[in-house]
Amino acid sequence: MAIGTVEFDLSMVSPESGEFLAARTYTVEGVTNADGSLRALSIGQLVMAICLQRAAELETSIIALMEEMNSTSAKLENMTTIETQVLAGTVSMTSATVTYDGTSYTYKNFLVNIVGMSSSDVPDSASVSSSDFITALEAKMDEMNSFSQQKMIELQSLTNKRDQSYDMISNVLKSLNTTMTGIVNNT
């Protein structure tokens, strides 16, 4: 199967008279077989293919979201380190360093370029008396914690949707198996 867009029709013919009753065209994105049609697929195969495609898309979104959350956690960890150092005594914001995403940054560069704090909020050296800096840093940390909580809710939602796709696949397989077993037992 390949990725693409396919239109197919579902026509109904009266079993008694043989008359054409209805036709409807459906569009299914993301699922085709080798010749580009869906006619060779059973409804069970079609539902499974669509559910698998949906689950794969959700899995990609989940992975991206988890990477984003890991990045936010790493930023928060470094911000906590900076806050601890500042509260412990005077620290040079332009010479002390933290490592983020494999790169070493001075405290000031990290807070301005990676975290997004204003350069005017980050002094070149900070001490316990830098209450404005600590307040700005904690406000940014609170903002990032709120962001993380929102992303966690989004992650739970995506995970539930992915699980529903897999449940539907399981239910279709169970239904197909029950139908096939019934047919075999009746012959």
Protein backbone atom coordinates (compact mmCIF):
# COMPACT_ATOMS: atom_id res chain seq x y z
CA MET A 1 0.00 0.00 0.00
CA ALA A 2 1.12 3.51 -0.75
CA ILE A 3 0.16 6.94 0.46
CA GLY A 4 -2.27 8.87 -1.74
CA THR A 5 -5.86 9.99 -2.22
CA VAL A 6 -8.39 7.64 -3.73
CA GLU A 7 -12.04 8.01 -4.52
CA PHE A 8 -14.29 4.99 -4.56
CA ASP A 9 -17.99 4.46 -4.94
CA LEU A 10 -20.32 2.34 -2.90
CA SER A 11 -23.18 1.22 -5.09
CA MET A 12 -26.18 -0.70 -3.89
CA VAL A 13 -28.17 -3.01 -6.11
CA SER A 14 -31.48 -4.48 -5.01
CA PRO A 15 -31.01 -8.23 -4.55
CA GLU A 16 -34.60 -8.87 -5.60
CA SER A 17 -34.98 -6.70 -8.71
CA GLY A 18 -31.36 -6.09 -9.62
CA GLU A 19 -32.09 -2.37 -9.86
CA PHE A 20 -29.48 0.22 -9.04
CA LEU A 21 -30.48 1.82 -5.73
CA ALA A 22 -27.80 4.34 -4.75
CA ALA A 23 -24.26 5.40 -5.41
CA ARG A 24 -22.05 7.52 -3.26
CA THR A 25 -18.46 8.56 -3.76
CA TYR A 26 -16.13 8.51 -0.77
CA THR A 27 -12.64 9.93 -0.57
CA VAL A 28 -10.05 8.17 1.53
CA GLU A 29 -6.74 9.93 1.98
CA GLY A 30 -3.55 8.08 2.77
CA VAL A 31 -4.51 4.57 1.66
CA THR A 32 -4.25 2.93 -1.75
CA ASN A 33 -3.15 -0.42 -3.04
CA ALA A 34 -0.74 -1.02 -5.92
CA ASP A 35 -3.13 -0.09 -8.75
CA GLY A 36 -4.51 2.98 -6.96
CA SER A 37 -7.96 1.59 -6.30
CA LEU A 38 -9.58 0.34 -3.16
CA ARG A 39 -11.88 -2.18 -4.83
CA ALA A 40 -9.64 -5.13 -3.94
CA LEU A 41 -9.75 -4.26 -0.24
CA SER A 42 -12.44 -5.61 2.02
CA ILE A 43 -14.18 -3.18 4.33
CA GLY A 44 -12.24 -4.68 7.25
CA GLN A 45 -8.93 -4.18 5.46
CA LEU A 46 -9.93 -0.64 4.57
CA VAL A 47 -10.86 0.23 8.16
CA MET A 48 -7.63 -1.32 9.45
CA ALA A 49 -5.54 0.54 6.88
CA ILE A 50 -7.15 3.85 7.77
CA CYS A 51 -6.80 3.19 11.51
CA LEU A 52 -3.16 2.18 11.10
CA GLN A 53 -2.46 5.33 9.11
CA ARG A 54 -4.16 7.43 11.79
CA ALA A 55 -2.23 5.66 14.56
CA ALA A 56 1.06 6.25 12.72
CA GLU A 57 0.27 9.98 12.35
CA LEU A 58 -0.62 10.20 16.04
CA GLU A 59 2.57 8.36 17.00
CA THR A 60 4.61 10.91 15.05
CA SER A 61 2.82 13.75 16.86
CA ILE A 62 3.38 12.06 20.22
CA ILE A 63 7.11 11.69 19.58
CA ALA A 64 7.43 15.35 18.52
CA LEU A 65 5.52 16.48 21.60
CA MET A 66 7.69 14.34 23.89
CA GLU A 67 10.82 15.86 22.36
CA GLU A 68 9.40 19.33 22.95
CA MET A 69 8.62 18.44 26.56
CA ASN A 70 12.15 17.05 27.06
CA SER A 71 13.57 20.30 25.72
CA THR A 72 11.44 22.32 28.14
CA SER A 73 12.53 20.08 31.03
CA ALA A 74 16.19 20.59 30.13
CA LYS A 75 15.67 24.35 30.03
CA LEU A 76 13.96 24.29 33.42
CA GLU A 77 16.75 22.18 34.89
CA ASN A 78 19.37 24.68 33.70
CA MET A 79 17.28 27.60 34.95
CA THR A 80 17.08 25.95 38.38
CA THR A 81 20.87 25.55 38.37
CA ILE A 82 21.30 29.23 37.51
CA GLU A 83 18.85 30.29 40.21
CA THR A 84 20.64 28.13 42.81
CA GLN A 85 24.02 29.61 41.83
CA VAL A 86 22.68 33.17 42.01
CA LEU A 87 21.07 32.60 45.41
CA ALA A 88 24.27 31.01 46.71
CA GLY A 89 26.28 34.15 46.02
CA THR A 90 27.60 36.42 43.33
CA VAL A 91 28.01 34.70 39.99
CA SER A 92 29.22 36.03 36.67
CA MET A 93 26.41 35.61 34.16
CA THR A 94 28.87 36.09 31.30
CA SER A 95 31.45 33.47 32.32
CA ALA A 96 29.54 30.71 34.19
CA THR A 97 28.18 28.12 31.75
CA VAL A 98 25.42 25.53 31.36
CA THR A 99 25.07 22.85 28.71
CA TYR A 100 21.89 22.64 26.70
CA ASP A 101 21.31 20.36 23.72
CA GLY A 102 25.01 19.49 23.61
CA THR A 103 26.17 23.10 23.45
CA SER A 104 27.73 25.15 26.24
CA TYR A 105 26.21 28.57 26.90
CA THR A 106 27.05 31.32 29.33
CA TYR A 107 24.23 31.92 31.78
CA LYS A 108 23.32 35.18 30.07
CA ASN A 109 23.38 33.73 26.52
CA PHE A 110 21.29 30.77 27.64
CA LEU A 111 18.66 32.92 29.35
CA VAL A 112 18.45 35.44 26.51
CA ASN A 113 18.87 33.26 23.40
CA ILE A 114 17.43 29.91 24.49
CA VAL A 115 14.90 30.76 27.20
CA GLY A 116 13.82 34.06 25.66
CA MET A 117 14.31 36.41 28.57
CA SER A 118 14.90 40.06 27.85
CA SER A 119 18.56 41.04 27.86
CA SER A 120 17.70 43.94 30.15
CA ASP A 121 16.32 41.43 32.72
CA VAL A 122 19.60 39.48 32.83
CA PRO A 123 22.48 41.34 34.51
CA ASP A 124 26.13 40.61 33.74
CA SER A 125 26.68 39.54 37.34
CA ALA A 126 24.03 38.54 39.81
CA SER A 127 23.91 38.22 43.55
CA VAL A 128 21.26 37.63 46.17
CA SER A 129 20.50 41.34 46.00
CA SER A 130 19.38 40.89 42.38
CA SER A 131 15.78 40.37 43.41
CA ASP A 132 14.44 41.74 40.12
CA PHE A 133 16.44 39.15 38.22
CA ILE A 134 15.29 36.30 40.51
CA THR A 135 11.68 37.48 40.15
CA ALA A 136 11.97 37.57 36.33
CA LEU A 137 13.67 34.15 36.30
CA GLU A 138 11.02 32.57 38.51
CA ALA A 139 8.25 34.13 36.40
CA LYS A 140 9.79 32.57 33.29
CA MET A 141 10.11 29.22 35.08
CA ASP A 142 6.44 29.39 36.14
CA GLU A 143 5.49 30.15 32.54
CA MET A 144 7.47 27.15 31.30
CA ASN A 145 5.92 24.90 33.98
CA SER A 146 2.44 25.97 32.85
CA PHE A 147 3.46 25.24 29.26
CA SER A 148 4.67 21.79 30.33
CA GLN A 149 1.39 21.05 32.06
CA GLN A 150 -0.57 22.03 28.96
CA LYS A 151 1.64 19.84 26.81
CA MET A 152 1.16 16.93 29.23
CA ILE A 153 -2.60 17.21 28.79
CA GLU A 154 -2.14 17.34 25.02
CA LEU A 155 0.12 14.28 25.21
CA GLN A 156 -2.50 12.36 27.18
CA SER A 157 -5.14 13.28 24.60
CA LEU A 158 -2.96 12.16 21.68
CA THR A 159 -2.09 8.93 23.47
CA ASN A 160 -5.78 8.21 24.08
CA LYS A 161 -6.59 8.85 20.41
CA ARG A 162 -3.76 6.55 19.32
CA ASP A 163 -4.97 3.84 21.69
CA GLN A 164 -8.50 4.21 20.30
CA SER A 165 -7.13 3.62 16.79
CA TYR A 166 -5.41 0.45 17.93
CA ASP A 167 -8.56 -0.66 19.79
CA MET A 168 -10.57 -0.17 16.62
CA ILE A 169 -8.08 -2.28 14.66
CA SER A 170 -8.31 -4.96 17.33
CA ASN A 171 -12.11 -4.87 17.23
CA VAL A 172 -12.15 -5.12 13.42
CA LEU A 173 -9.76 -8.09 13.53
CA LYS A 174 -11.90 -9.77 16.19
CA SER A 175 -15.05 -9.15 14.15
CA LEU A 176 -13.44 -10.49 10.98
CA ASN A 177 -12.21 -13.55 12.84
CA THR A 178 -15.67 -14.17 14.32
CA THR A 179 -17.27 -13.80 10.87
CA MET A 180 -14.73 -16.09 9.22
CA THR A 181 -15.15 -18.69 11.98
CA GLY A 182 -18.93 -18.51 11.53
CA ILE A 183 -18.61 -18.98 7.77
CA VAL A 184 -16.26 -21.93 8.20
CA ASN A 185 -18.56 -23.56 10.76
CA ASN A 186 -21.60 -23.13 8.48
CA THR A 187 -20.00 -24.80 5.45
